[in-house]
Amino acid sequence: MNVRLTKSFHFEAAHDLPTFPDGHKCRRLHGHSFRFDVIVEGEVEPEKGYLIDYGDIKAAADPVVRQLDHYYLNKIDGLANPTSENLAKWIFDRLHVTLPQLSAIVVHETCTSACEYRGK
């Protein structure tokens, strides 16, 4: 049985998007209540009955949340241009080492806008 599991995480952060045109609202310093979903996928071992413990996903993601929460994203190494796209890849790159079943990261910048990165 192949399954996909999703666990969501939240953080508050400020950023500006330096590659946007002058005068664009996103070029100015502003903040978001970000959410990101960690999606893992794989085969369930019949004797176990589950893919991975949700607690293991949380343990892998918590250090990333601590690194982002209540910080100015542009000042974090690797996030000089913290678009949703770059943020999704940045999170993926940090989690795939400890979560080999990682399939995707979905960054929700607002209630209606999200970016999905699948490691390609």
PDB file of N, CA and C in Angstrom:
ATOM      1  N   MET A   1       0.857  -1.175   0.000  1.00  0.00           N
ATOM      2  CA  MET A   1       0.000   0.000   0.000  1.00  0.00           C
ATOM      3  C   MET A   1       0.901   1.235   0.000  1.00  0.00           C
ATOM      4  N   ASN A   2       0.713   2.113  -0.987  1.00  0.00           N
ATOM      5  CA  ASN A   2       1.467   3.359  -1.080  1.00  0.00           C
ATOM      6  C   ASN A   2       0.604   4.485  -0.532  1.00  0.00           C
ATOM      7  N   VAL A   3       1.181   5.297   0.370  1.00  0.00           N
ATOM      8  CA  VAL A   3       0.435   6.400   0.992  1.00  0.00           C
ATOM      9  C   VAL A   3       1.248   7.686   0.955  1.00  0.00           C
ATOM     10  N   ARG A   4       0.521   8.799   1.117  1.00  0.00           N
ATOM     11  CA  ARG A   4       1.136  10.118   1.297  1.00  0.00           C
ATOM     12  C   ARG A   4       0.620  10.676   2.615  1.00  0.00           C
ATOM     13  N   LEU A   5       1.519  11.117   3.468  1.00  0.00           N
ATOM     14  CA  LEU A   5       1.158  11.742   4.737  1.00  0.00           C
ATOM     15  C   LEU A   5       1.560  13.203   4.689  1.00  0.00           C
ATOM     16  N   THR A   6       0.766  14.041   5.354  1.00  0.00           N
ATOM     17  CA  THR A   6       1.053  15.468   5.421  1.00  0.00           C
ATOM     18  C   THR A   6       1.006  15.929   6.866  1.00  0.00           C
ATOM     19  N   LYS A   7       2.022  16.690   7.266  1.00  0.00           N
ATOM     20  CA  LYS A   7       2.030  17.327   8.578  1.00  0.00           C
ATOM     21  C   LYS A   7       2.353  18.793   8.361  1.00  0.00           C
ATOM     22  N   SER A   8       1.581  19.673   9.013  1.00  0.00           N
ATOM     23  CA  SER A   8       1.711  21.117   8.815  1.00  0.00           C
ATOM     24  C   SER A   8       2.428  21.782   9.973  1.00  0.00           C
ATOM     25  N   PHE A   9       3.160  22.843   9.634  1.00  0.00           N
ATOM     26  CA  PHE A   9       3.920  23.622  10.608  1.00  0.00           C
ATOM     27  C   PHE A   9       3.695  25.103  10.323  1.00  0.00           C
ATOM     28  N   HIS A  10       3.822  25.931  11.357  1.00  0.00           N
ATOM     29  CA  HIS A  10       3.564  27.372  11.238  1.00  0.00           C
ATOM     30  C   HIS A  10       4.750  28.147  11.761  1.00  0.00           C
ATOM     31  N   PHE A  11       4.963  29.319  11.161  1.00  0.00           N
ATOM     32  CA  PHE A  11       5.928  30.261  11.710  1.00  0.00           C
ATOM     33  C   PHE A  11       5.568  31.668  11.238  1.00  0.00           C
ATOM     34  N   GLU A  12       5.994  32.644  12.003  1.00  0.00           N
ATOM     35  CA  GLU A  12       5.794  34.061  11.685  1.00  0.00           C
ATOM     36  C   GLU A  12       7.143  34.616  11.270  1.00  0.00           C
ATOM     37  N   ALA A  13       7.167  35.386  10.189  1.00  0.00           N
ATOM     38  CA  ALA A  13       8.440  35.948   9.745  1.00  0.00           C
ATOM     39  C   ALA A  13       8.205  37.156   8.851  1.00  0.00           C
ATOM     40  N   ALA A  14       9.245  37.979   8.753  1.00  0.00           N
ATOM     41  CA  ALA A  14       9.236  39.136   7.867  1.00  0.00           C
ATOM     42  C   ALA A  14      10.187  38.878   6.704  1.00  0.00           C
ATOM     43  N   HIS A  15       9.908  39.538   5.592  1.00  0.00           N
ATOM     44  CA  HIS A  15      10.811  39.477   4.448  1.00  0.00           C
ATOM     45  C   HIS A  15      10.496  40.621   3.498  1.00  0.00           C
ATOM     46  N   ASP A  16      11.392  40.819   2.566  1.00  0.00           N
ATOM     47  CA  ASP A  16      11.113  41.651   1.404  1.00  0.00           C
ATOM     48  C   ASP A  16      11.655  40.877   0.213  1.00  0.00           C
ATOM     49  N   LEU A  17      11.115  41.181  -0.955  1.00  0.00           N
ATOM     50  CA  LEU A  17      11.493  40.435  -2.155  1.00  0.00           C
ATOM     51  C   LEU A  17      12.271  41.366  -3.085  1.00  0.00           C
ATOM     52  N   PRO A  18      13.608  41.304  -3.002  1.00  0.00           N
ATOM     53  CA  PRO A  18      14.457  42.286  -3.684  1.00  0.00           C
ATOM     54  C   PRO A  18      14.433  42.214  -5.211  1.00  0.00           C
ATOM     55  N   THR A  19      13.934  41.140  -5.789  1.00  0.00           N
ATOM     56  CA  THR A  19      13.922  41.042  -7.250  1.00  0.00           C
ATOM     57  C   THR A  19      12.612  41.543  -7.863  1.00  0.00           C
ATOM     58  N   PHE A  20      11.668  41.923  -7.028  1.00  0.00           N
ATOM     59  CA  PHE A  20      10.425  42.505  -7.544  1.00  0.00           C
ATOM     60  C   PHE A  20      10.687  43.944  -8.002  1.00  0.00           C
ATOM     61  N   PRO A  21       9.871  44.455  -8.901  1.00  0.00           N
ATOM     62  CA  PRO A  21      10.093  45.818  -9.420  1.00  0.00           C
ATOM     63  C   PRO A  21       9.972  46.878  -8.323  1.00  0.00           C
ATOM     64  N   ASP A  22      10.708  47.973  -8.504  1.00  0.00           N
ATOM     65  CA  ASP A  22      10.575  49.114  -7.590  1.00  0.00           C
ATOM     66  C   ASP A  22       9.112  49.527  -7.527  1.00  0.00           C
ATOM     67  N   GLY A  23       8.640  49.831  -6.324  1.00  0.00           N
ATOM     68  CA  GLY A  23       7.258  50.252  -6.131  1.00  0.00           C
ATOM     69  C   GLY A  23       6.291  49.113  -5.883  1.00  0.00           C
ATOM     70  N   HIS A  24       6.689  47.884  -6.137  1.00  0.00           N
ATOM     71  CA  HIS A  24       5.810  46.729  -5.880  1.00  0.00           C
ATOM     72  C   HIS A  24       5.691  46.530  -4.371  1.00  0.00           C
ATOM     73  N   LYS A  25       4.507  46.217  -3.902  1.00  0.00           N
ATOM     74  CA  LYS A  25       4.286  46.084  -2.454  1.00  0.00           C
ATOM     75  C   LYS A  25       5.158  45.000  -1.826  1.00  0.00           C
ATOM     76  N   CYS A  26       5.493  43.963  -2.557  1.00  0.00           N
ATOM     77  CA  CYS A  26       6.307  42.875  -1.996  1.00  0.00           C
ATOM     78  C   CYS A  26       7.780  43.254  -1.884  1.00  0.00           C
ATOM     79  N   ARG A  27       8.164  44.339  -2.516  1.00  0.00           N
ATOM     80  CA  ARG A  27       9.550  44.822  -2.425  1.00  0.00           C
ATOM     81  C   ARG A  27       9.792  45.463  -1.060  1.00  0.00           C
ATOM     82  N   ARG A  28       8.699  45.933  -0.432  1.00  0.00           N
ATOM     83  CA  ARG A  28       8.802  46.556   0.894  1.00  0.00           C
ATOM     84  C   ARG A  28       8.839  45.477   1.979  1.00  0.00           C
ATOM     85  N   LEU A  29       9.443  45.811   3.092  1.00  0.00           N
ATOM     86  CA  LEU A  29       9.469  44.916   4.243  1.00  0.00           C
ATOM     87  C   LEU A  29       8.039  44.651   4.700  1.00  0.00           C
ATOM     88  N   HIS A  30       7.700  43.366   4.865  1.00  0.00           N
ATOM     89  CA  HIS A  30       6.363  42.973   5.334  1.00  0.00           C
ATOM     90  C   HIS A  30       6.466  41.584   5.956  1.00  0.00           C
ATOM     91  N   GLY A  31       5.410  41.153   6.605  1.00  0.00           N
ATOM     92  CA  GLY A  31       5.432  39.862   7.283  1.00  0.00           C
ATOM     93  C   GLY A  31       4.267  38.982   6.899  1.00  0.00           C
ATOM     94  N   HIS A  32       4.421  37.704   7.226  1.00  0.00           N
ATOM     95  CA  HIS A  32       3.379  36.708   6.966  1.00  0.00           C
ATOM     96  C   HIS A  32       3.280  35.740   8.132  1.00  0.00           C
ATOM     97  N   SER A  33       2.121  35.139   8.254  1.00  0.00           N
ATOM     98  CA  SER A  33       1.935  33.958   9.092  1.00  0.00           C
ATOM     99  C   SER A  33       2.068  32.777   8.134  1.00  0.00           C
ATOM    100  N   PHE A  34       3.289  32.291   7.992  1.00  0.00           N
ATOM    101  CA  PHE A  34       3.560  31.213   7.050  1.00  0.00           C
ATOM    102  C   PHE A  34       3.088  29.869   7.593  1.00  0.00           C
ATOM    103  N   ARG A  35       2.731  28.988   6.671  1.00  0.00           N
ATOM    104  CA  ARG A  35       2.487  27.578   6.991  1.00  0.00           C
ATOM    105  C   ARG A  35       3.238  26.774   5.943  1.00  0.00           C
ATOM    106  N   PHE A  36       3.831  25.665   6.383  1.00  0.00           N
ATOM    107  CA  PHE A  36       4.366  24.758   5.385  1.00  0.00           C
ATOM    108  C   PHE A  36       3.953  23.335   5.720  1.00  0.00           C
ATOM    109  N   ASP A  37       3.666  22.591   4.666  1.00  0.00           N
ATOM    110  CA  ASP A  37       3.272  21.193   4.782  1.00  0.00           C
ATOM    111  C   ASP A  37       4.449  20.325   4.379  1.00  0.00           C
ATOM    112  N   VAL A  38       4.731  19.348   5.208  1.00  0.00           N
ATOM    113  CA  VAL A  38       5.740  18.344   4.898  1.00  0.00           C
ATOM    114  C   VAL A  38       4.981  17.110   4.418  1.00  0.00           C
ATOM    115  N   ILE A  39       5.268  16.689   3.198  1.00  0.00           N
ATOM    116  CA  ILE A  39       4.577  15.549   2.609  1.00  0.00           C
ATOM    117  C   ILE A  39       5.580  14.423   2.404  1.00  0.00           C
ATOM    118  N   VAL A  40       5.293  13.290   3.009  1.00  0.00           N
ATOM    119  CA  VAL A  40       6.124  12.093   2.838  1.00  0.00           C
ATOM    120  C   VAL A  40       5.292  11.050   2.114  1.00  0.00           C
ATOM    121  N   GLU A  41       5.976  10.189   1.375  1.00  0.00           N
ATOM    122  CA  GLU A  41       5.273   9.195   0.574  1.00  0.00           C
ATOM    123  C   GLU A  41       6.079   7.908   0.549  1.00  0.00           C
ATOM    124  N   GLY A  42       5.373   6.790   0.538  1.00  0.00           N
ATOM    125  CA  GLY A  42       6.067   5.517   0.432  1.00  0.00           C
ATOM    126  C   GLY A  42       5.154   4.339   0.677  1.00  0.00           C
ATOM    127  N   GLU A  43       5.783   3.190   0.679  1.00  0.00           N
ATOM    128  CA  GLU A  43       5.074   1.934   0.890  1.00  0.00           C
ATOM    129  C   GLU A  43       4.966   1.630   2.385  1.00  0.00           C
ATOM    130  N   VAL A  44       3.786   1.247   2.811  1.00  0.00           N
ATOM    131  CA  VAL A  44       3.550   0.846   4.200  1.00  0.00           C
ATOM    132  C   VAL A  44       3.956  -0.610   4.349  1.00  0.00           C
ATOM    133  N   GLU A  45       4.801  -0.864   5.323  1.00  0.00           N
ATOM    134  CA  GLU A  45       5.165  -2.253   5.620  1.00  0.00           C
ATOM    135  C   GLU A  45       3.973  -2.905   6.320  1.00  0.00           C
ATOM    136  N   PRO A  46       3.462  -4.022   5.782  1.00  0.00           N
ATOM    137  CA  PRO A  46       2.260  -4.644   6.348  1.00  0.00           C
ATOM    138  C   PRO A  46       2.392  -4.975   7.834  1.00  0.00           C
ATOM    139  N   GLU A  47       3.566  -5.405   8.254  1.00  0.00           N
ATOM    140  CA  GLU A  47       3.723  -5.767   9.672  1.00  0.00           C
ATOM    141  C   GLU A  47       3.687  -4.550  10.597  1.00  0.00           C
ATOM    142  N   LYS A  48       4.072  -3.360  10.094  1.00  0.00           N
ATOM    143  CA  LYS A  48       4.009  -2.136  10.885  1.00  0.00           C
ATOM    144  C   LYS A  48       2.636  -1.474  10.783  1.00  0.00           C
ATOM    145  N   GLY A  49       2.094  -1.397   9.576  1.00  0.00           N
ATOM    146  CA  GLY A  49       0.793  -0.763   9.373  1.00  0.00           C
ATOM    147  C   GLY A  49       0.842   0.750   9.225  1.00  0.00           C
ATOM    148  N   TYR A  50       2.050   1.346   9.220  1.00  0.00           N
ATOM    149  CA  TYR A  50       2.172   2.789   9.029  1.00  0.00           C
ATOM    150  C   TYR A  50       3.481   3.082   8.294  1.00  0.00           C
ATOM    151  N   LEU A  51       3.529   4.260   7.657  1.00  0.00           N
ATOM    152  CA  LEU A  51       4.718   4.663   6.895  1.00  0.00           C
ATOM    153  C   LEU A  51       5.798   5.220   7.806  1.00  0.00           C
ATOM    154  N   ILE A  52       5.419   6.219   8.602  1.00  0.00           N
ATOM    155  CA  ILE A  52       6.345   6.897   9.510  1.00  0.00           C
ATOM    156  C   ILE A  52       5.524   7.507  10.629  1.00  0.00           C
ATOM    157  N   ASP A  53       6.095   7.581  11.799  1.00  0.00           N
ATOM    158  CA  ASP A  53       5.437   8.212  12.941  1.00  0.00           C
ATOM    159  C   ASP A  53       5.379   9.723  12.691  1.00  0.00           C
ATOM    160  N   TYR A  54       4.213  10.326  12.856  1.00  0.00           N
ATOM    161  CA  TYR A  54       4.090  11.780  12.694  1.00  0.00           C
ATOM    162  C   TYR A  54       5.059  12.513  13.625  1.00  0.00           C
ATOM    163  N   GLY A  55       5.362  11.922  14.765  1.00  0.00           N
ATOM    164  CA  GLY A  55       6.332  12.511  15.696  1.00  0.00           C
ATOM    165  C   GLY A  55       7.721  12.604  15.095  1.00  0.00           C
ATOM    166  N   ASP A  56       8.082  11.673  14.220  1.00  0.00           N
ATOM    167  CA  ASP A  56       9.377  11.730  13.549  1.00  0.00           C
ATOM    168  C   ASP A  56       9.421  12.883  12.546  1.00  0.00           C
ATOM    169  N   ILE A  57       8.292  13.156  11.898  1.00  0.00           N
ATOM    170  CA  ILE A  57       8.226  14.300  10.984  1.00  0.00           C
ATOM    171  C   ILE A  57       8.387  15.586  11.791  1.00  0.00           C
ATOM    172  N   LYS A  58       7.694  15.667  12.929  1.00  0.00           N
ATOM    173  CA  LYS A  58       7.789  16.849  13.787  1.00  0.00           C
ATOM    174  C   LYS A  58       9.209  17.049  14.294  1.00  0.00           C
ATOM    175  N   ALA A  59       9.860  15.974  14.709  1.00  0.00           N
ATOM    176  CA  ALA A  59      11.232  16.079  15.207  1.00  0.00           C
ATOM    177  C   ALA A  59      12.180  16.594  14.125  1.00  0.00           C
ATOM    178  N   ALA A  60      11.949  16.207  12.884  1.00  0.00           N
ATOM    179  CA  ALA A  60      12.796  16.670  11.778  1.00  0.00           C
ATOM    180  C   ALA A  60      12.517  18.131  11.446  1.00  0.00           C
ATOM    181  N   ALA A  61      11.254  18.556  11.510  1.00  0.00           N
ATOM    182  CA  ALA A  61      10.872  19.904  11.091  1.00  0.00           C
ATOM    183  C   ALA A  61      11.062  20.960  12.175  1.00  0.00           C
ATOM    184  N   ASP A  62      11.002  20.587  13.435  1.00  0.00           N
ATOM    185  CA  ASP A  62      11.078  21.582  14.508  1.00  0.00           C
ATOM    186  C   ASP A  62      12.335  22.458  14.448  1.00  0.00           C
ATOM    187  N   PRO A  63      13.525  21.912  14.174  1.00  0.00           N
ATOM    188  CA  PRO A  63      14.694  22.799  14.072  1.00  0.00           C
ATOM    189  C   PRO A  63      14.576  23.822  12.938  1.00  0.00           C
ATOM    190  N   VAL A  64      13.934  23.447  11.852  1.00  0.00           N
ATOM    191  CA  VAL A  64      13.719  24.368  10.735  1.00  0.00           C
ATOM    192  C   VAL A  64      12.753  25.474  11.159  1.00  0.00           C
ATOM    193  N   VAL A  65      11.690  25.107  11.846  1.00  0.00           N
ATOM    194  CA  VAL A  65      10.732  26.104  12.336  1.00  0.00           C
ATOM    195  C   VAL A  65      11.439  27.085  13.271  1.00  0.00           C
ATOM    196  N   ARG A  66      12.266  26.570  14.175  1.00  0.00           N
ATOM    197  CA  ARG A  66      12.979  27.445  15.108  1.00  0.00           C
ATOM    198  C   ARG A  66      13.922  28.400  14.366  1.00  0.00           C
ATOM    199  N   GLN A  67      14.482  27.949  13.264  1.00  0.00           N
ATOM    200  CA  GLN A  67      15.393  28.784  12.485  1.00  0.00           C
ATOM    201  C   GLN A  67      14.654  29.916  11.761  1.00  0.00           C
ATOM    202  N   LEU A  68      13.367  29.715  11.453  1.00  0.00           N
ATOM    203  CA  LEU A  68      12.595  30.686  10.688  1.00  0.00           C
ATOM    204  C   LEU A  68      11.685  31.571  11.529  1.00  0.00           C
ATOM    205  N   ASP A  69      11.163  31.046  12.628  1.00  0.00           N
ATOM    206  CA  ASP A  69      10.111  31.723  13.380  1.00  0.00           C
ATOM    207  C   ASP A  69      10.590  33.029  14.006  1.00  0.00           C
ATOM    208  N   HIS A  70       9.888  34.106  13.669  1.00  0.00           N
ATOM    209  CA  HIS A  70      10.150  35.453  14.174  1.00  0.00           C
ATOM    210  C   HIS A  70      11.532  35.975  13.771  1.00  0.00           C
ATOM    211  N   TYR A  71      11.929  35.643  12.544  1.00  0.00           N
ATOM    212  CA  TYR A  71      13.169  36.174  11.982  1.00  0.00           C
ATOM    213  C   TYR A  71      12.885  36.913  10.683  1.00  0.00           C
ATOM    214  N   TYR A  72      13.862  37.718  10.291  1.00  0.00           N
ATOM    215  CA  TYR A  72      13.857  38.397   9.008  1.00  0.00           C
ATOM    216  C   TYR A  72      14.490  37.423   8.019  1.00  0.00           C
ATOM    217  N   LEU A  73      13.673  36.825   7.150  1.00  0.00           N
ATOM    218  CA  LEU A  73      14.118  35.722   6.303  1.00  0.00           C
ATOM    219  C   LEU A  73      15.297  36.095   5.416  1.00  0.00           C
ATOM    220  N   ASN A  74      15.357  37.327   4.930  1.00  0.00           N
ATOM    221  CA  ASN A  74      16.431  37.747   4.033  1.00  0.00           C
ATOM    222  C   ASN A  74      17.809  37.611   4.670  1.00  0.00           C
ATOM    223  N   LYS A  75      17.885  37.612   5.981  1.00  0.00           N
ATOM    224  CA  LYS A  75      19.167  37.535   6.689  1.00  0.00           C
ATOM    225  C   LYS A  75      19.603  36.091   6.977  1.00  0.00           C
ATOM    226  N   ILE A  76      18.758  35.119   6.672  1.00  0.00           N
ATOM    227  CA  ILE A  76      19.087  33.709   6.905  1.00  0.00           C
ATOM    228  C   ILE A  76      19.903  33.201   5.720  1.00  0.00           C
ATOM    229  N   ASP A  77      20.993  32.517   6.008  1.00  0.00           N
ATOM    230  CA  ASP A  77      21.872  31.998   4.971  1.00  0.00           C
ATOM    231  C   ASP A  77      21.074  31.189   3.945  1.00  0.00           C
ATOM    232  N   GLY A  78      21.180  31.579   2.688  1.00  0.00           N
ATOM    233  CA  GLY A  78      20.475  30.884   1.616  1.00  0.00           C
ATOM    234  C   GLY A  78      19.121  31.463   1.269  1.00  0.00           C
ATOM    235  N   LEU A  79      18.679  32.487   2.005  1.00  0.00           N
ATOM    236  CA  LEU A  79      17.357  33.071   1.755  1.00  0.00           C
ATOM    237  C   LEU A  79      17.423  34.575   1.479  1.00  0.00           C
ATOM    238  N   ALA A  80      18.444  35.019   0.786  1.00  0.00           N
ATOM    239  CA  ALA A  80      18.557  36.447   0.462  1.00  0.00           C
ATOM    240  C   ALA A  80      17.377  36.920  -0.378  1.00  0.00           C
ATOM    241  N   ASN A  81      16.789  36.011  -1.143  1.00  0.00           N
ATOM    242  CA  ASN A  81      15.600  36.316  -1.949  1.00  0.00           C
ATOM    243  C   ASN A  81      14.510  35.319  -1.548  1.00  0.00           C
ATOM    244  N   PRO A  82      13.850  35.546  -0.399  1.00  0.00           N
ATOM    245  CA  PRO A  82      12.951  34.548   0.187  1.00  0.00           C
ATOM    246  C   PRO A  82      11.549  34.505  -0.425  1.00  0.00           C
ATOM    247  N   THR A  83      11.482  34.221  -1.719  1.00  0.00           N
ATOM    248  CA  THR A  83      10.191  33.976  -2.365  1.00  0.00           C
ATOM    249  C   THR A  83       9.634  32.663  -1.830  1.00  0.00           C
ATOM    250  N   SER A  84       8.368  32.414  -2.045  1.00  0.00           N
ATOM    251  CA  SER A  84       7.785  31.130  -1.640  1.00  0.00           C
ATOM    252  C   SER A  84       8.511  29.980  -2.315  1.00  0.00           C
ATOM    253  N   GLU A  85       8.896  30.177  -3.574  1.00  0.00           N
ATOM    254  CA  GLU A  85       9.604  29.140  -4.319  1.00  0.00           C
ATOM    255  C   GLU A  85      10.944  28.805  -3.666  1.00  0.00           C
ATOM    256  N   ASN A  86      11.726  29.856  -3.370  1.00  0.00           N
ATOM    257  CA  ASN A  86      13.026  29.629  -2.745  1.00  0.00           C
ATOM    258  C   ASN A  86      12.895  29.085  -1.330  1.00  0.00           C
ATOM    259  N   LEU A  87      11.897  29.534  -0.608  1.00  0.00           N
ATOM    260  CA  LEU A  87      11.672  29.043   0.751  1.00  0.00           C
ATOM    261  C   LEU A  87      11.299  27.564   0.740  1.00  0.00           C
ATOM    262  N   ALA A  88      10.443  27.153  -0.191  1.00  0.00           N
ATOM    263  CA  ALA A  88      10.049  25.743  -0.288  1.00  0.00           C
ATOM    264  C   ALA A  88      11.267  24.860  -0.568  1.00  0.00           C
ATOM    265  N   LYS A  89      12.123  25.285  -1.484  1.00  0.00           N
ATOM    266  CA  LYS A  89      13.331  24.515  -1.796  1.00  0.00           C
ATOM    267  C   LYS A  89      14.279  24.489  -0.597  1.00  0.00           C
ATOM    268  N   TRP A  90      14.434  25.625   0.067  1.00  0.00           N
ATOM    269  CA  TRP A  90      15.318  25.732   1.227  1.00  0.00           C
ATOM    270  C   TRP A  90      14.882  24.746   2.319  1.00  0.00           C
ATOM    271  N   ILE A  91      13.586  24.692   2.598  1.00  0.00           N
ATOM    272  CA  ILE A  91      13.067  23.756   3.605  1.00  0.00           C
ATOM    273  C   ILE A  91      13.270  22.319   3.138  1.00  0.00           C
ATOM    274  N   PHE A  92      12.941  22.032   1.893  1.00  0.00           N
ATOM    275  CA  PHE A  92      13.105  20.677   1.342  1.00  0.00           C
ATOM    276  C   PHE A  92      14.548  20.213   1.496  1.00  0.00           C
ATOM    277  N   ASP A  93      15.494  21.065   1.121  1.00  0.00           N
ATOM    278  CA  ASP A  93      16.909  20.699   1.182  1.00  0.00           C
ATOM    279  C   ASP A  93      17.351  20.351   2.592  1.00  0.00           C
ATOM    280  N   ARG A  94      16.755  20.966   3.595  1.00  0.00           N
ATOM    281  CA  ARG A  94      17.135  20.685   4.978  1.00  0.00           C
ATOM    282  C   ARG A  94      16.451  19.439   5.525  1.00  0.00           C
ATOM    283  N   LEU A  95      15.262  19.120   5.037  1.00  0.00           N
ATOM    284  CA  LEU A  95      14.511  17.988   5.585  1.00  0.00           C
ATOM    285  C   LEU A  95      14.763  16.665   4.876  1.00  0.00           C
ATOM    286  N   HIS A  96      15.142  16.691   3.616  1.00  0.00           N
ATOM    287  CA  HIS A  96      15.265  15.414   2.902  1.00  0.00           C
ATOM    288  C   HIS A  96      16.377  14.540   3.460  1.00  0.00           C
ATOM    289  N   VAL A  97      17.318  15.132   4.149  1.00  0.00           N
ATOM    290  CA  VAL A  97      18.419  14.363   4.754  1.00  0.00           C
ATOM    291  C   VAL A  97      17.892  13.457   5.863  1.00  0.00           C
ATOM    292  N   THR A  98      17.007  13.981   6.704  1.00  0.00           N
ATOM    293  CA  THR A  98      16.494  13.201   7.835  1.00  0.00           C
ATOM    294  C   THR A  98      15.168  12.518   7.540  1.00  0.00           C
ATOM    295  N   LEU A  99      14.518  12.916   6.443  1.00  0.00           N
ATOM    296  CA  LEU A  99      13.251  12.297   6.048  1.00  0.00           C
ATOM    297  C   LEU A  99      13.398  11.740   4.632  1.00  0.00           C
ATOM    298  N   PRO A 100      13.946  10.546   4.489  1.00  0.00           N
ATOM    299  CA  PRO A 100      14.169  10.003   3.141  1.00  0.00           C
ATOM    300  C   PRO A 100      12.886   9.812   2.337  1.00  0.00           C
ATOM    301  N   GLN A 101      11.742   9.715   3.005  1.00  0.00           N
ATOM    302  CA  GLN A 101      10.463   9.560   2.309  1.00  0.00           C
ATOM    303  C   GLN A 101       9.871  10.893   1.868  1.00  0.00           C
ATOM    304  N   LEU A 102      10.604  12.008   2.098  1.00  0.00           N
ATOM    305  CA  LEU A 102      10.075  13.330   1.760  1.00  0.00           C
ATOM    306  C   LEU A 102       9.729  13.387   0.279  1.00  0.00           C
ATOM    307  N   SER A 103       8.499  13.786   0.005  1.00  0.00           N
ATOM    308  CA  SER A 103       7.993  13.875  -1.364  1.00  0.00           C
ATOM    309  C   SER A 103       7.846  15.327  -1.811  1.00  0.00           C
ATOM    310  N   ALA A 104       7.402  16.208  -0.902  1.00  0.00           N
ATOM    311  CA  ALA A 104       7.168  17.603  -1.277  1.00  0.00           C
ATOM    312  C   ALA A 104       7.096  18.486  -0.040  1.00  0.00           C
ATOM    313  N   ILE A 105       7.349  19.763  -0.274  1.00  0.00           N
ATOM    314  CA  ILE A 105       7.114  20.825   0.699  1.00  0.00           C
ATOM    315  C   ILE A 105       6.154  21.803   0.039  1.00  0.00           C
ATOM    316  N   VAL A 106       5.098  22.173   0.757  1.00  0.00           N
ATOM    317  CA  VAL A 106       4.161  23.182   0.265  1.00  0.00           C
ATOM    318  C   VAL A 106       4.221  24.366   1.235  1.00  0.00           C
ATOM    319  N   VAL A 107       4.630  25.525   0.718  1.00  0.00           N
ATOM    320  CA  VAL A 107       4.692  26.742   1.524  1.00  0.00           C
ATOM    321  C   VAL A 107       3.447  27.567   1.231  1.00  0.00           C
ATOM    322  N   HIS A 108       2.708  27.883   2.288  1.00  0.00           N
ATOM    323  CA  HIS A 108       1.521  28.741   2.198  1.00  0.00           C
ATOM    324  C   HIS A 108       1.926  30.119   2.721  1.00  0.00           C
ATOM    325  N   GLU A 109       2.054  31.057   1.809  1.00  0.00           N
ATOM    326  CA  GLU A 109       2.449  32.412   2.201  1.00  0.00           C
ATOM    327  C   GLU A 109       1.254  33.200   2.714  1.00  0.00           C
ATOM    328  N   THR A 110       0.104  32.941   2.134  1.00  0.00           N
ATOM    329  CA  THR A 110      -1.148  33.548   2.583  1.00  0.00           C
ATOM    330  C   THR A 110      -2.214  32.450   2.594  1.00  0.00           C
ATOM    331  N   CYS A 111      -3.422  32.815   2.965  1.00  0.00           N
ATOM    332  CA  CYS A 111      -4.521  31.843   2.974  1.00  0.00           C
ATOM    333  C   CYS A 111      -4.866  31.345   1.576  1.00  0.00           C
ATOM    334  N   THR A 112      -4.504  32.120   0.549  1.00  0.00           N
ATOM    335  CA  THR A 112      -4.907  31.774  -0.814  1.00  0.00           C
ATOM    336  C   THR A 112      -3.737  31.532  -1.766  1.00  0.00           C
ATOM    337  N   SER A 113      -2.503  31.618  -1.272  1.00  0.00           N
ATOM    338  CA  SER A 113      -1.330  31.474  -2.149  1.00  0.00           C
ATOM    339  C   SER A 113      -0.350  30.471  -1.579  1.00  0.00           C
ATOM    340  N   ALA A 114       0.044  29.500  -2.418  1.00  0.00           N
ATOM    341  CA  ALA A 114       0.957  28.460  -1.964  1.00  0.00           C
ATOM    342  C   ALA A 114       1.884  28.045  -3.090  1.00  0.00           C
ATOM    343  N   CYS A 115       3.023  27.479  -2.713  1.00  0.00           N
ATOM    344  CA  CYS A 115       3.994  26.952  -3.674  1.00  0.00           C
ATOM    345  C   CYS A 115       4.377  25.538  -3.236  1.00  0.00           C
ATOM    346  N   GLU A 116       4.367  24.607  -4.177  1.00  0.00           N
ATOM    347  CA  GLU A 116       4.760  23.220  -3.909  1.00  0.00           C
ATOM    348  C   GLU A 116       6.085  22.933  -4.605  1.00  0.00           C
ATOM    349  N   TYR A 117       7.038  22.381  -3.842  1.00  0.00           N
ATOM    350  CA  TYR A 117       8.339  21.991  -4.383  1.00  0.00           C
ATOM    351  C   TYR A 117       8.544  20.504  -4.134  1.00  0.00           C
ATOM    352  N   ARG A 118       8.928  19.784  -5.198  1.00  0.00           N
ATOM    353  CA  ARG A 118       9.073  18.337  -5.141  1.00  0.00           C
ATOM    354  C   ARG A 118      10.511  17.863  -5.346  1.00  0.00           C
ATOM    355  N   GLY A 119      11.479  18.732  -5.111  1.00  0.00           N
ATOM    356  CA  GLY A 119      12.867  18.301  -5.166  1.00  0.00           C
ATOM    357  C   GLY A 119      13.482  18.237  -6.548  1.00  0.00           C
ATOM    358  N   LYS A 120      12.868  18.890  -7.511  1.00  0.00           N
ATOM    359  CA  LYS A 120      13.420  18.870  -8.888  1.00  0.00           C
ATOM    360  C   LYS A 120      13.631  20.279  -9.394  1.00  0.00           C
TER     361      LYS A 120
END
